[in-house]
Amino acid sequence: MGSYTVVRKFNWYKFDIIMSGMTLTSQRNLQINFANPYIVIGQSVLLRNGLEGEIKSYKDLNNPKYTVVSKLGTTGDLAAKRYLSKAKLRLFETESEGAIEVVNGKADAFIYDLPFNAVYSSQNPGKLVHLDTPFTYEPLAWGVRKGDPDFVNWLNNFLTQIQGDGTYDKIYAKWFESSAWQKTLK
């Protein structure tokens, strides 16, 4: 989610749409077009057990005595560098590697997208603490190649339709407000 390097890795002429949690930024908008945001998220914190009384906000982690981790090349990486510049930062190739460092007590906090952190926290009860108030503003939107305004228009109308008829709310409730779907993964 929110990957910072995705735009540089893809040849946009080979793809019609990118639908996997891409944060809409002005820099990215120079390379591709975006439909309207389908969800607004932000960075949250997975905190090592034992720090819940000491750390009440991401701001408390901005101290050289803390080690924070995130996924390399993501908006979590950027947020950690911007807001937690005094903390020690370690970056990992995957979200899971970073979160496991916190569970295992090898890092104090994992900075990453709220949806991932919420799901990871619910899958690992009692192993870490989720500070679930996002501290960044990140609209996620479908990315479309430049020069295809009809497709962007169709996507925007589709999103408006499903938001208006209740479909969006049902989908959101299933994936973000309930954890029942996780049982089907086992």
C-alpha atoms as a PDB file:
ATOM      1  CA  MET A   1       0.000   0.000   0.000  1.00  0.00           C
ATOM      2  CA  GLY A   2       1.123   3.515  -0.642  1.00  0.00           C
ATOM      3  CA  SER A   3       4.255   2.321  -2.409  1.00  0.00           C
ATOM      4  CA  TYR A   4       6.550   5.163  -3.378  1.00  0.00           C
ATOM      5  CA  THR A   5       8.580   3.323  -6.016  1.00  0.00           C
ATOM      6  CA  VAL A   6       5.758   1.733  -8.022  1.00  0.00           C
ATOM      7  CA  VAL A   7       5.602   4.566 -10.549  1.00  0.00           C
ATOM      8  CA  ARG A   8       9.244   4.178 -11.464  1.00  0.00           C
ATOM      9  CA  LYS A   9       9.086   0.397 -11.894  1.00  0.00           C
ATOM     10  CA  PHE A  10       6.155   0.164 -14.311  1.00  0.00           C
ATOM     11  CA  ASN A  11       5.959   1.069 -17.953  1.00  0.00           C
ATOM     12  CA  TRP A  12       2.541   2.749 -17.863  1.00  0.00           C
ATOM     13  CA  TYR A  13       1.839   2.002 -21.504  1.00  0.00           C
ATOM     14  CA  LYS A  14       1.525  -1.709 -20.658  1.00  0.00           C
ATOM     15  CA  PHE A  15      -1.194  -1.255 -18.012  1.00  0.00           C
ATOM     16  CA  ASP A  16      -4.693   0.174 -18.064  1.00  0.00           C
ATOM     17  CA  ILE A  17      -5.069   0.598 -14.303  1.00  0.00           C
ATOM     18  CA  ILE A  18      -3.272   0.182 -11.001  1.00  0.00           C
ATOM     19  CA  MET A  19      -5.686  -0.691  -8.216  1.00  0.00           C
ATOM     20  CA  SER A  20      -3.535  -1.715  -5.271  1.00  0.00           C
ATOM     21  CA  GLY A  21      -3.477   1.014  -2.687  1.00  0.00           C
ATOM     22  CA  MET A  22      -1.630   3.721  -4.552  1.00  0.00           C
ATOM     23  CA  THR A  23      -1.470   7.028  -2.697  1.00  0.00           C
ATOM     24  CA  LEU A  24      -2.461   9.958  -4.874  1.00  0.00           C
ATOM     25  CA  THR A  25       0.359  12.521  -4.789  1.00  0.00           C
ATOM     26  CA  SER A  26       1.087  15.527  -6.966  1.00  0.00           C
ATOM     27  CA  GLN A  27       4.440  13.999  -7.965  1.00  0.00           C
ATOM     28  CA  ARG A  28       2.787  10.789  -9.150  1.00  0.00           C
ATOM     29  CA  ASN A  29       0.056  12.753 -10.879  1.00  0.00           C
ATOM     30  CA  LEU A  30       2.706  14.125 -13.231  1.00  0.00           C
ATOM     31  CA  GLN A  31       3.274  10.582 -14.519  1.00  0.00           C
ATOM     32  CA  ILE A  32      -0.232   9.101 -14.409  1.00  0.00           C
ATOM     33  CA  ASN A  33      -3.813  10.233 -13.966  1.00  0.00           C
ATOM     34  CA  PHE A  34      -5.896   9.305 -10.948  1.00  0.00           C
ATOM     35  CA  ALA A  35      -9.578   8.689 -10.455  1.00  0.00           C
ATOM     36  CA  ASN A  36     -11.170  10.180  -7.345  1.00  0.00           C
ATOM     37  CA  PRO A  37      -9.948   8.620  -4.085  1.00  0.00           C
ATOM     38  CA  TYR A  38     -11.838   5.493  -3.058  1.00  0.00           C
ATOM     39  CA  ILE A  39     -10.567   5.669   0.543  1.00  0.00           C
ATOM     40  CA  VAL A  40      -8.486   8.002   2.669  1.00  0.00           C
ATOM     41  CA  ILE A  41      -6.002   6.345   4.994  1.00  0.00           C
ATOM     42  CA  GLY A  42      -2.798   7.354   6.723  1.00  0.00           C
ATOM     43  CA  GLN A  43       0.170   5.995   8.584  1.00  0.00           C
ATOM     44  CA  SER A  44      -0.374   4.401  11.968  1.00  0.00           C
ATOM     45  CA  VAL A  45       1.926   2.774  14.508  1.00  0.00           C
ATOM     46  CA  LEU A  46       2.324  -0.826  15.629  1.00  0.00           C
ATOM     47  CA  LEU A  47       4.026  -0.532  18.990  1.00  0.00           C
ATOM     48  CA  ARG A  48       6.113  -3.077  20.882  1.00  0.00           C
ATOM     49  CA  ASN A  49       4.442  -4.462  23.983  1.00  0.00           C
ATOM     50  CA  GLY A  50       5.605  -2.685  27.111  1.00  0.00           C
ATOM     51  CA  LEU A  51       5.704   0.768  25.519  1.00  0.00           C
ATOM     52  CA  GLU A  52       1.959   1.489  25.614  1.00  0.00           C
ATOM     53  CA  GLY A  53       2.184   3.786  28.668  1.00  0.00           C
ATOM     54  CA  GLU A  54       5.359   5.489  27.492  1.00  0.00           C
ATOM     55  CA  ILE A  55       4.328   6.065  23.846  1.00  0.00           C
ATOM     56  CA  LYS A  56       0.900   7.642  23.378  1.00  0.00           C
ATOM     57  CA  SER A  57       1.459   9.162  19.923  1.00  0.00           C
ATOM     58  CA  TYR A  58       3.814   8.852  16.980  1.00  0.00           C
ATOM     59  CA  LYS A  59       5.441  12.096  18.209  1.00  0.00           C
ATOM     60  CA  ASP A  60       6.752  10.301  21.302  1.00  0.00           C
ATOM     61  CA  LEU A  61       8.856   8.053  19.037  1.00  0.00           C
ATOM     62  CA  ASN A  62      10.883  10.974  17.679  1.00  0.00           C
ATOM     63  CA  ASN A  63      13.780  10.204  19.981  1.00  0.00           C
ATOM     64  CA  PRO A  64      17.157   8.528  19.324  1.00  0.00           C
ATOM     65  CA  LYS A  65      16.430   5.904  21.984  1.00  0.00           C
ATOM     66  CA  TYR A  66      13.706   4.365  19.784  1.00  0.00           C
ATOM     67  CA  THR A  67      14.093   2.169  16.726  1.00  0.00           C
ATOM     68  CA  VAL A  68      11.307   2.441  14.171  1.00  0.00           C
ATOM     69  CA  VAL A  69      10.904   0.266  11.113  1.00  0.00           C
ATOM     70  CA  SER A  70       8.936   0.504   7.889  1.00  0.00           C
ATOM     71  CA  LYS A  71       8.785  -0.914   4.389  1.00  0.00           C
ATOM     72  CA  LEU A  72      11.407   0.425   2.021  1.00  0.00           C
ATOM     73  CA  GLY A  73      10.179   2.866  -0.623  1.00  0.00           C
ATOM     74  CA  THR A  74       6.697   3.456   0.803  1.00  0.00           C
ATOM     75  CA  THR A  75       4.825   6.372   2.282  1.00  0.00           C
ATOM     76  CA  GLY A  76       5.565   4.748   5.660  1.00  0.00           C
ATOM     77  CA  ASP A  77       9.268   5.115   4.896  1.00  0.00           C
ATOM     78  CA  LEU A  78       8.733   8.765   3.934  1.00  0.00           C
ATOM     79  CA  ALA A  79       6.583   9.518   7.004  1.00  0.00           C
ATOM     80  CA  ALA A  80       9.150   7.968   9.347  1.00  0.00           C
ATOM     81  CA  LYS A  81      11.931  10.064   7.815  1.00  0.00           C
ATOM     82  CA  ARG A  82       9.820  13.235   7.944  1.00  0.00           C
ATOM     83  CA  TYR A  83       8.173  12.949  11.363  1.00  0.00           C
ATOM     84  CA  LEU A  84      10.572  10.705  13.276  1.00  0.00           C
ATOM     85  CA  SER A  85      13.942  11.980  12.065  1.00  0.00           C
ATOM     86  CA  LYS A  86      15.554  11.627  15.501  1.00  0.00           C
ATOM     87  CA  ALA A  87      14.662   7.934  15.874  1.00  0.00           C
ATOM     88  CA  LYS A  88      16.783   5.122  14.446  1.00  0.00           C
ATOM     89  CA  LEU A  89      15.157   3.924  11.207  1.00  0.00           C
ATOM     90  CA  ARG A  90      15.469   0.468   9.662  1.00  0.00           C
ATOM     91  CA  LEU A  91      13.741  -0.430   6.403  1.00  0.00           C
ATOM     92  CA  PHE A  92      12.574  -3.812   5.152  1.00  0.00           C
ATOM     93  CA  GLU A  93      11.539  -5.256   1.795  1.00  0.00           C
ATOM     94  CA  THR A  94       8.127  -6.402   3.061  1.00  0.00           C
ATOM     95  CA  GLU A  95       5.519  -5.190   5.519  1.00  0.00           C
ATOM     96  CA  SER A  96       5.564  -8.492   7.395  1.00  0.00           C
ATOM     97  CA  GLU A  97       9.311  -8.350   8.008  1.00  0.00           C
ATOM     98  CA  GLY A  98       8.969  -4.932   9.614  1.00  0.00           C
ATOM     99  CA  ALA A  99       5.985  -5.869  11.771  1.00  0.00           C
ATOM    100  CA  ILE A 100       7.687  -9.093  12.948  1.00  0.00           C
ATOM    101  CA  GLU A 101      10.632  -7.031  14.201  1.00  0.00           C
ATOM    102  CA  VAL A 102       8.206  -5.275  16.575  1.00  0.00           C
ATOM    103  CA  VAL A 103       6.511  -8.517  17.674  1.00  0.00           C
ATOM    104  CA  ASN A 104       9.945 -10.029  18.400  1.00  0.00           C
ATOM    105  CA  GLY A 105      11.053  -6.952  20.363  1.00  0.00           C
ATOM    106  CA  LYS A 106      13.850  -6.063  17.915  1.00  0.00           C
ATOM    107  CA  ALA A 107      12.207  -2.712  17.083  1.00  0.00           C
ATOM    108  CA  ASP A 108      10.005  -0.350  19.051  1.00  0.00           C
ATOM    109  CA  ALA A 109       7.508   0.598  16.362  1.00  0.00           C
ATOM    110  CA  PHE A 110       6.402  -0.184  12.822  1.00  0.00           C
ATOM    111  CA  ILE A 111       5.138   2.736  10.723  1.00  0.00           C
ATOM    112  CA  TYR A 112       2.837   1.750   7.901  1.00  0.00           C
ATOM    113  CA  ASP A 113      -0.601   2.093   6.300  1.00  0.00           C
ATOM    114  CA  LEU A 114      -3.548   1.911   8.688  1.00  0.00           C
ATOM    115  CA  PRO A 115      -5.358  -0.974   6.909  1.00  0.00           C
ATOM    116  CA  PHE A 116      -2.320  -3.274   7.047  1.00  0.00           C
ATOM    117  CA  ASN A 117      -1.598  -2.376  10.654  1.00  0.00           C
ATOM    118  CA  ALA A 118      -5.226  -2.900  11.690  1.00  0.00           C
ATOM    119  CA  VAL A 119      -5.367  -6.353  10.080  1.00  0.00           C
ATOM    120  CA  TYR A 120      -1.935  -7.352  11.385  1.00  0.00           C
ATOM    121  CA  SER A 121      -2.870  -6.259  14.900  1.00  0.00           C
ATOM    122  CA  SER A 122      -6.122  -8.242  14.812  1.00  0.00           C
ATOM    123  CA  GLN A 123      -4.246 -11.324  13.577  1.00  0.00           C
ATOM    124  CA  ASN A 124      -1.684 -11.022  16.383  1.00  0.00           C
ATOM    125  CA  PRO A 125      -3.706 -10.175  19.502  1.00  0.00           C
ATOM    126  CA  GLY A 126      -1.653  -9.389  22.595  1.00  0.00           C
ATOM    127  CA  LYS A 127       1.635  -9.358  20.678  1.00  0.00           C
ATOM    128  CA  LEU A 128       1.743  -5.607  20.011  1.00  0.00           C
ATOM    129  CA  VAL A 129      -0.265  -2.418  20.433  1.00  0.00           C
ATOM    130  CA  HIS A 130      -1.879  -0.561  17.526  1.00  0.00           C
ATOM    131  CA  LEU A 131      -1.960   3.231  17.813  1.00  0.00           C
ATOM    132  CA  ASP A 132      -4.751   3.434  15.266  1.00  0.00           C
ATOM    133  CA  THR A 133      -5.115   7.181  14.787  1.00  0.00           C
ATOM    134  CA  PRO A 134      -3.456   7.998  11.443  1.00  0.00           C
ATOM    135  CA  PHE A 135      -0.899  10.782  11.554  1.00  0.00           C
ATOM    136  CA  THR A 136      -0.775  11.424   7.793  1.00  0.00           C
ATOM    137  CA  TYR A 137      -3.425  12.086   5.147  1.00  0.00           C
ATOM    138  CA  GLU A 138      -3.244   9.674   2.224  1.00  0.00           C
ATOM    139  CA  PRO A 139      -5.985   9.423  -0.359  1.00  0.00           C
ATOM    140  CA  LEU A 140      -5.809   6.118  -2.243  1.00  0.00           C
ATOM    141  CA  ALA A 141      -6.959   6.157  -5.846  1.00  0.00           C
ATOM    142  CA  TRP A 142      -6.877   4.083  -9.000  1.00  0.00           C
ATOM    143  CA  GLY A 143      -3.989   5.071 -11.270  1.00  0.00           C
ATOM    144  CA  VAL A 144      -4.678   5.309 -14.998  1.00  0.00           C
ATOM    145  CA  ARG A 145      -2.296   6.037 -17.862  1.00  0.00           C
ATOM    146  CA  LYS A 146      -2.160   9.611 -19.145  1.00  0.00           C
ATOM    147  CA  GLY A 147      -4.431  10.416 -22.052  1.00  0.00           C
ATOM    148  CA  ASP A 148      -7.412   8.260 -21.060  1.00  0.00           C
ATOM    149  CA  PRO A 149      -9.948  10.742 -19.604  1.00  0.00           C
ATOM    150  CA  ASP A 150     -12.919   8.567 -20.585  1.00  0.00           C
ATOM    151  CA  PHE A 151     -11.666   5.737 -18.371  1.00  0.00           C
ATOM    152  CA  VAL A 152     -11.079   8.127 -15.451  1.00  0.00           C
ATOM    153  CA  ASN A 153     -14.605   9.480 -15.951  1.00  0.00           C
ATOM    154  CA  TRP A 154     -16.054   5.945 -15.973  1.00  0.00           C
ATOM    155  CA  LEU A 155     -14.162   5.045 -12.771  1.00  0.00           C
ATOM    156  CA  ASN A 156     -15.347   8.204 -11.024  1.00  0.00           C
ATOM    157  CA  ASN A 157     -18.960   7.511 -12.024  1.00  0.00           C
ATOM    158  CA  PHE A 158     -18.657   3.880 -10.925  1.00  0.00           C
ATOM    159  CA  LEU A 159     -17.329   4.982  -7.531  1.00  0.00           C
ATOM    160  CA  THR A 160     -20.118   7.542  -7.132  1.00  0.00           C
ATOM    161  CA  GLN A 161     -22.709   4.887  -8.003  1.00  0.00           C
ATOM    162  CA  ILE A 162     -21.491   2.288  -5.503  1.00  0.00           C
ATOM    163  CA  GLN A 163     -21.142   4.927  -2.792  1.00  0.00           C
ATOM    164  CA  GLY A 164     -24.703   6.073  -3.468  1.00  0.00           C
ATOM    165  CA  ASP A 165     -26.391   2.657  -3.550  1.00  0.00           C
ATOM    166  CA  GLY A 166     -24.767   1.273  -0.384  1.00  0.00           C
ATOM    167  CA  THR A 167     -22.440  -1.207  -2.096  1.00  0.00           C
ATOM    168  CA  TYR A 168     -19.322   0.689  -0.998  1.00  0.00           C
ATOM    169  CA  ASP A 169     -20.424   0.679   2.660  1.00  0.00           C
ATOM    170  CA  LYS A 170     -21.059  -3.089   2.532  1.00  0.00           C
ATOM    171  CA  ILE A 171     -17.627  -3.751   1.013  1.00  0.00           C
ATOM    172  CA  TYR A 172     -15.928  -1.457   3.537  1.00  0.00           C
ATOM    173  CA  ALA A 173     -17.723  -3.111   6.476  1.00  0.00           C
ATOM    174  CA  LYS A 174     -16.745  -6.607   5.278  1.00  0.00           C
ATOM    175  CA  TRP A 175     -13.041  -5.892   4.882  1.00  0.00           C
ATOM    176  CA  PHE A 176     -12.309  -3.172   7.457  1.00  0.00           C
ATOM    177  CA  GLU A 177     -14.921  -3.377  10.202  1.00  0.00           C
ATOM    178  CA  SER A 178     -15.098  -7.165  10.516  1.00  0.00           C
ATOM    179  CA  SER A 179     -12.406  -9.793  10.764  1.00  0.00           C
ATOM    180  CA  ALA A 180     -14.674 -12.695   9.722  1.00  0.00           C
ATOM    181  CA  TRP A 181     -13.037 -12.869   6.290  1.00  0.00           C
ATOM    182  CA  GLN A 182      -9.714 -13.779   7.916  1.00  0.00           C
ATOM    183  CA  LYS A 183     -11.120 -17.179   8.935  1.00  0.00           C
ATOM    184  CA  THR A 184     -11.492 -18.096   5.243  1.00  0.00           C
ATOM    185  CA  LEU A 185      -7.722 -17.729   4.738  1.00  0.00           C
ATOM    186  CA  LYS A 186      -6.780 -20.702   6.910  1.00  0.00           C
END
